[in-house]
Amino acid sequence: TDYIFKFLVEKTHQFSLFNDEGNVGSIDEPVRDFP
């Protein structure tokens, strides 16, 4: 699944692109899904 990278959430771990729950934490809605 592709996402547009926009900003890192300050509370998100500095090395992590995703939040602790495993959900997208710092990028917007998906721009494309692939089979």
Full PDB file with SEQRES, HELIX, SHEET, SSBOND, CRYST1, ORIGX, SCALE, CONECT and MASTER records, all heavy atoms in Angstrom:
SEQRES   1 A   35  THR ASP TYR ILE PHE LYS PHE LEU VAL GLU LYS THR HIS          
SEQRES   2 A   35  GLN PHE SER LEU PHE ASN ASP GLU GLY ASN VAL GLY SER          
SEQRES   3 A   35  ILE ASP GLU PRO VAL ARG ASP PHE PRO                          
SHEET    1 AA1 2 ASP A   2  PHE A   5  0                                        
SHEET    2 AA1 2 ILE A  27  ARG A  32 -1                                        
CRYST1    1.000    1.000    1.000  90.00  90.00  90.00 P 1           1          
ORIGX1      1.000000  0.000000  0.000000        0.00000                         
ORIGX2      0.000000  1.000000  0.000000        0.00000                         
ORIGX3      0.000000  0.000000  1.000000        0.00000                         
SCALE1      1.000000  0.000000  0.000000        0.00000                         
SCALE2      0.000000  1.000000  0.000000        0.00000                         
SCALE3      0.000000  0.000000  1.000000        0.00000                         
ATOM      1  N   THR A   1       0.856  -1.186   0.000  1.00  0.00           N  
ATOM      2  CA  THR A   1       0.000   0.000   0.000  1.00  0.00           C  
ATOM      3  C   THR A   1       0.888   1.230   0.000  1.00  0.00           C  
ATOM      4  O   THR A   1       1.796   1.341   0.826  1.00  0.00           O  
ATOM      5  CB  THR A   1      -0.915   0.031   1.247  1.00  0.00           C  
ATOM      6  OG1 THR A   1      -1.626  -1.215   1.347  1.00  0.00           O  
ATOM      7  CG2 THR A   1      -1.917   1.166   1.147  1.00  0.00           C  
ATOM      8  N   ASP A   2       0.652   2.142  -0.931  1.00  0.00           N  
ATOM      9  CA  ASP A   2       1.469   3.351  -1.055  1.00  0.00           C  
ATOM     10  C   ASP A   2       0.828   4.526  -0.336  1.00  0.00           C  
ATOM     11  O   ASP A   2      -0.393   4.714  -0.389  1.00  0.00           O  
ATOM     12  CB  ASP A   2       1.674   3.713  -2.524  1.00  0.00           C  
ATOM     13  CG  ASP A   2       2.694   2.816  -3.204  1.00  0.00           C  
ATOM     14  OD1 ASP A   2       3.257   1.938  -2.525  1.00  0.00           O  
ATOM     15  OD2 ASP A   2       2.935   3.013  -4.409  1.00  0.00           O  
ATOM     16  N   TYR A   3       1.699   5.309   0.330  1.00  0.00           N  
ATOM     17  CA  TYR A   3       1.254   6.495   1.054  1.00  0.00           C  
ATOM     18  C   TYR A   3       2.148   7.679   0.704  1.00  0.00           C  
ATOM     19  O   TYR A   3       3.342   7.519   0.455  1.00  0.00           O  
ATOM     20  CB  TYR A   3       1.345   6.284   2.566  1.00  0.00           C  
ATOM     21  CG  TYR A   3       0.447   5.201   3.117  1.00  0.00           C  
ATOM     22  CD1 TYR A   3       0.882   3.875   3.164  1.00  0.00           C  
ATOM     23  CD2 TYR A   3      -0.813   5.492   3.608  1.00  0.00           C  
ATOM     24  CE1 TYR A   3       0.079   2.871   3.678  1.00  0.00           C  
ATOM     25  CE2 TYR A   3      -1.627   4.498   4.124  1.00  0.00           C  
ATOM     26  CZ  TYR A   3      -1.177   3.190   4.167  1.00  0.00           C  
ATOM     27  OH  TYR A   3      -1.976   2.206   4.690  1.00  0.00           O  
ATOM     28  N   ILE A   4       1.575   8.864   0.740  1.00  0.00           N  
ATOM     29  CA  ILE A   4       2.361  10.089   0.585  1.00  0.00           C  
ATOM     30  C   ILE A   4       2.991  10.431   1.932  1.00  0.00           C  
ATOM     31  O   ILE A   4       2.297  10.599   2.932  1.00  0.00           O  
ATOM     32  CB  ILE A   4       1.490  11.253   0.084  1.00  0.00           C  
ATOM     33  CG1 ILE A   4       0.958  10.959  -1.329  1.00  0.00           C  
ATOM     34  CG2 ILE A   4       2.283  12.559   0.083  1.00  0.00           C  
ATOM     35  CD1 ILE A   4       0.005  12.011  -1.855  1.00  0.00           C  
ATOM     36  N   PHE A   5       4.300  10.546   1.940  1.00  0.00           N  
ATOM     37  CA  PHE A   5       5.028  10.881   3.155  1.00  0.00           C  
ATOM     38  C   PHE A   5       4.896  12.387   3.418  1.00  0.00           C  
ATOM     39  O   PHE A   5       5.290  13.196   2.613  1.00  0.00           O  
ATOM     40  CB  PHE A   5       6.498  10.498   2.947  1.00  0.00           C  
ATOM     41  CG  PHE A   5       7.432  10.972   4.011  1.00  0.00           C  
ATOM     42  CD1 PHE A   5       7.196  10.682   5.340  1.00  0.00           C  
ATOM     43  CD2 PHE A   5       8.570  11.685   3.672  1.00  0.00           C  
ATOM     44  CE1 PHE A   5       8.076  11.110   6.322  1.00  0.00           C  
ATOM     45  CE2 PHE A   5       9.459  12.111   4.634  1.00  0.00           C  
ATOM     46  CZ  PHE A   5       9.216  11.818   5.962  1.00  0.00           C  
ATOM     47  N   LYS A   6       4.349  12.767   4.525  1.00  0.00           N  
ATOM     48  CA  LYS A   6       4.133  14.192   4.784  1.00  0.00           C  
ATOM     49  C   LYS A   6       4.893  14.704   6.001  1.00  0.00           C  
ATOM     50  O   LYS A   6       5.600  15.686   5.918  1.00  0.00           O  
ATOM     51  CB  LYS A   6       2.639  14.488   4.940  1.00  0.00           C  
ATOM     52  CG  LYS A   6       1.882  14.492   3.622  1.00  0.00           C  
ATOM     53  CD  LYS A   6       0.486  15.058   3.798  1.00  0.00           C  
ATOM     54  CE  LYS A   6      -0.180  15.235   2.450  1.00  0.00           C  
ATOM     55  NZ  LYS A   6      -1.544  15.797   2.575  1.00  0.00           N  
ATOM     56  N   PHE A   7       4.734  14.081   7.111  1.00  0.00           N  
ATOM     57  CA  PHE A   7       5.444  14.589   8.282  1.00  0.00           C  
ATOM     58  C   PHE A   7       5.521  13.501   9.340  1.00  0.00           C  
ATOM     59  O   PHE A   7       4.725  12.570   9.350  1.00  0.00           O  
ATOM     60  CB  PHE A   7       4.729  15.811   8.856  1.00  0.00           C  
ATOM     61  CG  PHE A   7       3.302  15.538   9.256  1.00  0.00           C  
ATOM     62  CD1 PHE A   7       2.985  15.074  10.527  1.00  0.00           C  
ATOM     63  CD2 PHE A   7       2.274  15.752   8.346  1.00  0.00           C  
ATOM     64  CE1 PHE A   7       1.670  14.822  10.882  1.00  0.00           C  
ATOM     65  CE2 PHE A   7       0.948  15.499   8.703  1.00  0.00           C  
ATOM     66  CZ  PHE A   7       0.651  15.041   9.973  1.00  0.00           C  
ATOM     67  N   LEU A   8       6.521  13.628  10.192  1.00  0.00           N  
ATOM     68  CA  LEU A   8       6.663  12.704  11.315  1.00  0.00           C  
ATOM     69  C   LEU A   8       5.947  13.298  12.520  1.00  0.00           C  
ATOM     70  O   LEU A   8       6.178  14.448  12.890  1.00  0.00           O  
ATOM     71  CB  LEU A   8       8.137  12.482  11.646  1.00  0.00           C  
ATOM     72  CG  LEU A   8       8.912  11.584  10.682  1.00  0.00           C  
ATOM     73  CD1 LEU A   8      10.394  11.612  11.034  1.00  0.00           C  
ATOM     74  CD2 LEU A   8       8.404  10.174  10.743  1.00  0.00           C  
ATOM     75  N   VAL A   9       5.085  12.526  13.130  1.00  0.00           N  
ATOM     76  CA  VAL A   9       4.407  12.965  14.338  1.00  0.00           C  
ATOM     77  C   VAL A   9       5.420  13.030  15.476  1.00  0.00           C  
ATOM     78  O   VAL A   9       6.197  12.099  15.685  1.00  0.00           O  
ATOM     79  CB  VAL A   9       3.264  11.988  14.700  1.00  0.00           C  
ATOM     80  CG1 VAL A   9       2.570  12.415  15.995  1.00  0.00           C  
ATOM     81  CG2 VAL A   9       2.268  11.910  13.551  1.00  0.00           C  
ATOM     82  N   GLU A  10       5.436  14.129  16.211  1.00  0.00           N  
ATOM     83  CA  GLU A  10       6.446  14.325  17.241  1.00  0.00           C  
ATOM     84  C   GLU A  10       6.446  13.215  18.278  1.00  0.00           C  
ATOM     85  O   GLU A  10       7.493  12.824  18.796  1.00  0.00           O  
ATOM     86  CB  GLU A  10       6.227  15.672  17.935  1.00  0.00           C  
ATOM     87  CG  GLU A  10       6.537  16.861  17.043  1.00  0.00           C  
ATOM     88  CD  GLU A  10       6.384  18.175  17.776  1.00  0.00           C  
ATOM     89  OE1 GLU A  10       6.031  18.134  18.974  1.00  0.00           O  
ATOM     90  OE2 GLU A  10       6.625  19.218  17.167  1.00  0.00           O  
ATOM     91  N   LYS A  11       5.290  12.663  18.575  1.00  0.00           N  
ATOM     92  CA  LYS A  11       5.216  11.623  19.593  1.00  0.00           C  
ATOM     93  C   LYS A  11       5.631  10.258  19.077  1.00  0.00           C  
ATOM     94  O   LYS A  11       5.829   9.321  19.843  1.00  0.00           O  
ATOM     95  CB  LYS A  11       3.792  11.548  20.158  1.00  0.00           C  
ATOM     96  CG  LYS A  11       3.390  12.782  20.947  1.00  0.00           C  
ATOM     97  CD  LYS A  11       2.003  12.618  21.534  1.00  0.00           C  
ATOM     98  CE  LYS A  11       1.596  13.855  22.330  1.00  0.00           C  
ATOM     99  NZ  LYS A  11       0.237  13.716  22.889  1.00  0.00           N  
ATOM    100  N   THR A  12       5.739  10.135  17.720  1.00  0.00           N  
ATOM    101  CA  THR A  12       6.157   8.866  17.142  1.00  0.00           C  
ATOM    102  C   THR A  12       7.630   8.649  17.424  1.00  0.00           C  
ATOM    103  O   THR A  12       8.420   9.583  17.420  1.00  0.00           O  
ATOM    104  CB  THR A  12       5.916   8.871  15.614  1.00  0.00           C  
ATOM    105  OG1 THR A  12       4.541   9.113  15.370  1.00  0.00           O  
ATOM    106  CG2 THR A  12       6.301   7.535  15.001  1.00  0.00           C  
ATOM    107  N   HIS A  13       8.006   7.402  17.655  1.00  0.00           N  
ATOM    108  CA  HIS A  13       9.409   7.075  17.916  1.00  0.00           C  
ATOM    109  C   HIS A  13      10.270   7.617  16.794  1.00  0.00           C  
ATOM    110  O   HIS A  13       9.938   7.515  15.622  1.00  0.00           O  
ATOM    111  CB  HIS A  13       9.572   5.553  18.004  1.00  0.00           C  
ATOM    112  CG  HIS A  13      10.880   5.140  18.587  1.00  0.00           C  
ATOM    113  ND1 HIS A  13      12.058   5.256  17.913  1.00  0.00           N  
ATOM    114  CD2 HIS A  13      11.191   4.630  19.814  1.00  0.00           C  
ATOM    115  CE1 HIS A  13      13.044   4.816  18.674  1.00  0.00           C  
ATOM    116  NE2 HIS A  13      12.554   4.436  19.828  1.00  0.00           N  
ATOM    117  N   GLN A  14      11.408   8.206  17.124  1.00  0.00           N  
ATOM    118  CA  GLN A  14      12.227   8.907  16.143  1.00  0.00           C  
ATOM    119  C   GLN A  14      12.693   8.020  14.994  1.00  0.00           C  
ATOM    120  O   GLN A  14      12.941   8.515  13.898  1.00  0.00           O  
ATOM    121  CB  GLN A  14      13.459   9.531  16.810  1.00  0.00           C  
ATOM    122  CG  GLN A  14      14.415   8.522  17.427  1.00  0.00           C  
ATOM    123  CD  GLN A  14      15.652   9.182  17.985  1.00  0.00           C  
ATOM    124  OE1 GLN A  14      16.048  10.238  17.521  1.00  0.00           O  
ATOM    125  NE2 GLN A  14      16.270   8.576  18.975  1.00  0.00           N  
ATOM    126  N   PHE A  15      12.803   6.713  15.210  1.00  0.00           N  
ATOM    127  CA  PHE A  15      13.251   5.837  14.137  1.00  0.00           C  
ATOM    128  C   PHE A  15      12.095   5.136  13.442  1.00  0.00           C  
ATOM    129  O   PHE A  15      12.303   4.405  12.494  1.00  0.00           O  
ATOM    130  CB  PHE A  15      14.210   4.769  14.682  1.00  0.00           C  
ATOM    131  CG  PHE A  15      15.570   5.299  15.027  1.00  0.00           C  
ATOM    132  CD1 PHE A  15      15.969   5.376  16.346  1.00  0.00           C  
ATOM    133  CD2 PHE A  15      16.430   5.720  14.041  1.00  0.00           C  
ATOM    134  CE1 PHE A  15      17.217   5.862  16.670  1.00  0.00           C  
ATOM    135  CE2 PHE A  15      17.683   6.204  14.361  1.00  0.00           C  
ATOM    136  CZ  PHE A  15      18.075   6.281  15.680  1.00  0.00           C  
ATOM    137  N   SER A  16      10.872   5.324  13.935  1.00  0.00           N  
ATOM    138  CA  SER A  16       9.764   4.512  13.450  1.00  0.00           C  
ATOM    139  C   SER A  16       8.842   5.295  12.544  1.00  0.00           C  
ATOM    140  O   SER A  16       8.459   6.416  12.841  1.00  0.00           O  
ATOM    141  CB  SER A  16       8.953   3.954  14.630  1.00  0.00           C  
ATOM    142  OG  SER A  16       7.879   3.190  14.156  1.00  0.00           O  
ATOM    143  N   LEU A  17       8.477   4.690  11.434  1.00  0.00           N  
ATOM    144  CA  LEU A  17       7.543   5.305  10.506  1.00  0.00           C  
ATOM    145  C   LEU A  17       6.107   5.084  10.949  1.00  0.00           C  
ATOM    146  O   LEU A  17       5.205   5.796  10.533  1.00  0.00           O  
ATOM    147  CB  LEU A  17       7.753   4.700   9.114  1.00  0.00           C  
ATOM    148  CG  LEU A  17       6.964   5.275   7.937  1.00  0.00           C  
ATOM    149  CD1 LEU A  17       7.357   6.718   7.690  1.00  0.00           C  
ATOM    150  CD2 LEU A  17       7.205   4.452   6.695  1.00  0.00           C  
ATOM    151  N   PHE A  18       5.888   4.085  11.787  1.00  0.00           N  
ATOM    152  CA  PHE A  18       4.539   3.709  12.192  1.00  0.00           C  
ATOM    153  C   PHE A  18       4.400   3.784  13.700  1.00  0.00           C  
ATOM    154  O   PHE A  18       5.380   3.746  14.430  1.00  0.00           O  
ATOM    155  CB  PHE A  18       4.210   2.297  11.688  1.00  0.00           C  
ATOM    156  CG  PHE A  18       4.276   2.203  10.197  1.00  0.00           C  
ATOM    157  CD1 PHE A  18       5.481   1.923   9.562  1.00  0.00           C  
ATOM    158  CD2 PHE A  18       3.162   2.434   9.436  1.00  0.00           C  
ATOM    159  CE1 PHE A  18       5.550   1.860   8.190  1.00  0.00           C  
ATOM    160  CE2 PHE A  18       3.230   2.364   8.057  1.00  0.00           C  
ATOM    161  CZ  PHE A  18       4.432   2.083   7.426  1.00  0.00           C  
ATOM    162  N   ASN A  19       3.170   3.921  14.169  1.00  0.00           N  
ATOM    163  CA  ASN A  19       2.967   4.068  15.602  1.00  0.00           C  
ATOM    164  C   ASN A  19       2.990   2.731  16.323  1.00  0.00           C  
ATOM    165  O   ASN A  19       3.117   1.676  15.709  1.00  0.00           O  
ATOM    166  CB  ASN A  19       1.670   4.848  15.889  1.00  0.00           C  
ATOM    167  CG  ASN A  19       0.434   4.091  15.445  1.00  0.00           C  
ATOM    168  OD1 ASN A  19       0.422   2.871  15.377  1.00  0.00           O  
ATOM    169  ND2 ASN A  19      -0.621   4.819  15.137  1.00  0.00           N  
ATOM    170  N   ASP A  20       2.890   2.784  17.649  1.00  0.00           N  
ATOM    171  CA  ASP A  20       3.063   1.587  18.461  1.00  0.00           C  
ATOM    172  C   ASP A  20       2.004   0.534  18.225  1.00  0.00           C  
ATOM    173  O   ASP A  20       2.182  -0.630  18.546  1.00  0.00           O  
ATOM    174  CB  ASP A  20       3.085   1.956  19.955  1.00  0.00           C  
ATOM    175  CG  ASP A  20       4.334   2.749  20.313  1.00  0.00           C  
ATOM    176  OD1 ASP A  20       5.329   2.630  19.571  1.00  0.00           O  
ATOM    177  OD2 ASP A  20       4.303   3.471  21.313  1.00  0.00           O  
ATOM    178  N   GLU A  21       0.851   0.946  17.691  1.00  0.00           N  
ATOM    179  CA  GLU A  21      -0.214  -0.015  17.424  1.00  0.00           C  
ATOM    180  C   GLU A  21      -0.056  -0.689  16.071  1.00  0.00           C  
ATOM    181  O   GLU A  21      -0.862  -1.510  15.662  1.00  0.00           O  
ATOM    182  CB  GLU A  21      -1.587   0.675  17.483  1.00  0.00           C  
ATOM    183  CG  GLU A  21      -2.042   1.050  18.890  1.00  0.00           C  
ATOM    184  CD  GLU A  21      -1.241   2.203  19.463  1.00  0.00           C  
ATOM    185  OE1 GLU A  21      -0.921   3.134  18.690  1.00  0.00           O  
ATOM    186  OE2 GLU A  21      -0.924   2.175  20.659  1.00  0.00           O  
ATOM    187  N   GLY A  22       0.975  -0.288  15.338  1.00  0.00           N  
ATOM    188  CA  GLY A  22       1.212  -0.901  14.039  1.00  0.00           C  
ATOM    189  C   GLY A  22       0.461  -0.217  12.916  1.00  0.00           C  
ATOM    190  O   GLY A  22       0.489  -0.661  11.775  1.00  0.00           O  
ATOM    191  N   ASN A  23      -0.201   0.893  13.220  1.00  0.00           N  
ATOM    192  CA  ASN A  23      -0.939   1.626  12.198  1.00  0.00           C  
ATOM    193  C   ASN A  23      -0.079   2.748  11.647  1.00  0.00           C  
ATOM    194  O   ASN A  23       0.896   3.177  12.261  1.00  0.00           O  
ATOM    195  CB  ASN A  23      -2.222   2.221  12.792  1.00  0.00           C  
ATOM    196  CG  ASN A  23      -3.132   1.162  13.346  1.00  0.00           C  
ATOM    197  OD1 ASN A  23      -3.348   0.137  12.710  1.00  0.00           O  
ATOM    198  ND2 ASN A  23      -3.638   1.386  14.550  1.00  0.00           N  
ATOM    199  N   VAL A  24      -0.460   3.250  10.482  1.00  0.00           N  
ATOM    200  CA  VAL A  24       0.281   4.350   9.898  1.00  0.00           C  
ATOM    201  C   VAL A  24       0.173   5.541  10.830  1.00  0.00           C  
ATOM    202  O   VAL A  24      -0.917   5.967  11.192  1.00  0.00           O  
ATOM    203  CB  VAL A  24      -0.284   4.688   8.505  1.00  0.00           C  
ATOM    204  CG1 VAL A  24       0.430   5.895   7.932  1.00  0.00           C  
ATOM    205  CG2 VAL A  24      -0.108   3.489   7.576  1.00  0.00           C  
ATOM    206  N   GLY A  25       1.336   6.089  11.228  1.00  0.00           N  
ATOM    207  CA  GLY A  25       1.316   7.158  12.208  1.00  0.00           C  
ATOM    208  C   GLY A  25       1.738   8.504  11.680  1.00  0.00           C  
ATOM    209  O   GLY A  25       1.480   9.524  12.304  1.00  0.00           O  
ATOM    210  N   SER A  26       2.421   8.548  10.524  1.00  0.00           N  
ATOM    211  CA  SER A  26       2.968   9.824  10.101  1.00  0.00           C  
ATOM    212  C   SER A  26       2.829  10.065   8.606  1.00  0.00           C  
ATOM    213  O   SER A  26       3.497  10.916   8.049  1.00  0.00           O  
ATOM    214  CB  SER A  26       4.454   9.871  10.474  1.00  0.00           C  
ATOM    215  OG  SER A  26       5.121   8.791   9.887  1.00  0.00           O  
ATOM    216  N   ILE A  27       1.994   9.326   7.950  1.00  0.00           N  
ATOM    217  CA  ILE A  27       1.744   9.532   6.547  1.00  0.00           C  
ATOM    218  C   ILE A  27       0.248   9.517   6.295  1.00  0.00           C  
ATOM    219  O   ILE A  27      -0.523   9.002   7.093  1.00  0.00           O  
ATOM    220  CB  ILE A  27       2.453   8.468   5.678  1.00  0.00           C  
ATOM    221  CG1 ILE A  27       2.301   7.079   6.273  1.00  0.00           C  
ATOM    222  CG2 ILE A  27       3.905   8.800   5.505  1.00  0.00           C  
ATOM    223  CD1 ILE A  27       3.069   6.007   5.538  1.00  0.00           C  
ATOM    224  N   ASP A  28      -0.171  10.119   5.214  1.00  0.00           N  
ATOM    225  CA  ASP A  28      -1.582  10.389   4.994  1.00  0.00           C  
ATOM    226  C   ASP A  28      -2.314   9.147   4.480  1.00  0.00           C  
ATOM    227  O   ASP A  28      -1.813   8.033   4.520  1.00  0.00           O  
ATOM    228  CB  ASP A  28      -1.702  11.536   3.985  1.00  0.00           C  
ATOM    229  CG  ASP A  28      -2.942  12.374   4.210  1.00  0.00           C  
ATOM    230  OD1 ASP A  28      -3.816  11.955   4.998  1.00  0.00           O  
ATOM    231  OD2 ASP A  28      -3.038  13.423   3.583  1.00  0.00           O  
ATOM    232  N   GLU A  29      -3.532   9.357   3.992  1.00  0.00           N  
ATOM    233  CA  GLU A  29      -4.341   8.257   3.472  1.00  0.00           C  
ATOM    234  C   GLU A  29      -3.635   7.585   2.293  1.00  0.00           C  
ATOM    235  O   GLU A  29      -2.855   8.209   1.577  1.00  0.00           O  
ATOM    236  CB  GLU A  29      -5.705   8.792   3.018  1.00  0.00           C  
ATOM    237  CG  GLU A  29      -6.565   9.284   4.162  1.00  0.00           C  
ATOM    238  CD  GLU A  29      -6.846   8.180   5.177  1.00  0.00           C  
ATOM    239  OE1 GLU A  29      -7.214   7.072   4.760  1.00  0.00           O  
ATOM    240  OE2 GLU A  29      -6.675   8.428   6.377  1.00  0.00           O  
ATOM    241  N   PRO A  30      -3.874   6.301   2.072  1.00  0.00           N  
ATOM    242  CA  PRO A  30      -3.189   5.603   0.971  1.00  0.00           C  
ATOM    243  C   PRO A  30      -3.528   6.212  -0.379  1.00  0.00           C  
ATOM    244  O   PRO A  30      -4.650   6.629  -0.626  1.00  0.00           O  
ATOM    245  CB  PRO A  30      -3.716   4.165   1.085  1.00  0.00           C  
ATOM    246  CG  PRO A  30      -4.975   4.266   1.882  1.00  0.00           C  
ATOM    247  CD  PRO A  30      -4.779   5.412   2.811  1.00  0.00           C  
ATOM    248  N   VAL A  31      -2.521   6.270  -1.246  1.00  0.00           N  
ATOM    249  CA  VAL A  31      -2.740   6.778  -2.595  1.00  0.00           C  
ATOM    250  C   VAL A  31      -2.964   5.641  -3.581  1.00  0.00           C  
ATOM    251  O   VAL A  31      -3.484   5.853  -4.670  1.00  0.00           O  
ATOM    252  CB  VAL A  31      -1.558   7.653  -3.071  1.00  0.00           C  
ATOM    253  CG1 VAL A  31      -1.474   8.919  -2.244  1.00  0.00           C  
ATOM    254  CG2 VAL A  31      -0.247   6.889  -3.012  1.00  0.00           C  
ATOM    255  N   ARG A  32      -2.555   4.422  -3.172  1.00  0.00           N  
ATOM    256  CA  ARG A  32      -2.786   3.280  -4.060  1.00  0.00           C  
ATOM    257  C   ARG A  32      -2.652   1.979  -3.287  1.00  0.00           C  
ATOM    258  O   ARG A  32      -1.754   1.834  -2.457  1.00  0.00           O  
ATOM    259  CB  ARG A  32      -1.786   3.294  -5.224  1.00  0.00           C  
ATOM    260  CG  ARG A  32      -2.069   2.215  -6.267  1.00  0.00           C  
ATOM    261  CD  ARG A  32      -1.153   2.355  -7.462  1.00  0.00           C  
ATOM    262  NE  ARG A  32      -1.415   1.313  -8.440  1.00  0.00           N  
ATOM    263  CZ  ARG A  32      -0.710   1.127  -9.555  1.00  0.00           C  
ATOM    264  NH1 ARG A  32       0.283   1.941  -9.842  1.00  0.00           N  
ATOM    265  NH2 ARG A  32      -1.002   0.146 -10.380  1.00  0.00           N  
ATOM    266  N   ASP A  33      -3.564   1.065  -3.564  1.00  0.00           N  
ATOM    267  CA  ASP A  33      -3.502  -0.291  -3.026  1.00  0.00           C  
ATOM    268  C   ASP A  33      -3.133  -1.249  -4.150  1.00  0.00           C  
ATOM    269  O   ASP A  33      -3.572  -1.078  -5.293  1.00  0.00           O  
ATOM    270  CB  ASP A  33      -4.859  -0.712  -2.450  1.00  0.00           C  
ATOM    271  CG  ASP A  33      -4.989  -0.348  -0.990  1.00  0.00           C  
ATOM    272  OD1 ASP A  33      -3.973  -0.390  -0.279  1.00  0.00           O  
ATOM    273  OD2 ASP A  33      -6.105  -0.028  -0.557  1.00  0.00           O  
ATOM    274  N   PHE A  34      -2.367  -2.265  -3.819  1.00  0.00           N  
ATOM    275  CA  PHE A  34      -1.953  -3.254  -4.807  1.00  0.00           C  
ATOM    276  C   PHE A  34      -2.477  -4.626  -4.398  1.00  0.00           C  
ATOM    277  O   PHE A  34      -2.624  -4.912  -3.214  1.00  0.00           O  
ATOM    278  CB  PHE A  34      -0.431  -3.293  -4.924  1.00  0.00           C  
ATOM    279  CG  PHE A  34       0.176  -2.039  -5.481  1.00  0.00           C  
ATOM    280  CD1 PHE A  34       0.395  -0.938  -4.675  1.00  0.00           C  
ATOM    281  CD2 PHE A  34       0.506  -1.956  -6.825  1.00  0.00           C  
ATOM    282  CE1 PHE A  34       0.941   0.227  -5.180  1.00  0.00           C  
ATOM    283  CE2 PHE A  34       1.059  -0.790  -7.347  1.00  0.00           C  
ATOM    284  CZ  PHE A  34       1.271   0.301  -6.523  1.00  0.00           C  
ATOM    285  N   PRO A  35      -2.759  -5.480  -5.360  1.00  0.00           N  
ATOM    286  CA  PRO A  35      -3.253  -6.824  -5.021  1.00  0.00           C  
ATOM    287  C   PRO A  35      -2.174  -7.657  -4.340  1.00  0.00           C  
ATOM    288  O   PRO A  35      -0.973  -7.390  -4.487  1.00  0.00           O  
ATOM    289  CB  PRO A  35      -3.634  -7.422  -6.382  1.00  0.00           C  
ATOM    290  CG  PRO A  35      -2.811  -6.665  -7.375  1.00  0.00           C  
ATOM    291  CD  PRO A  35      -2.673  -5.277  -6.826  1.00  0.00           C  
TER     292      PRO A  35                                                      
MASTER        0    0    0    0    2    0    0    6  291    1    0    3          
END                                                                             
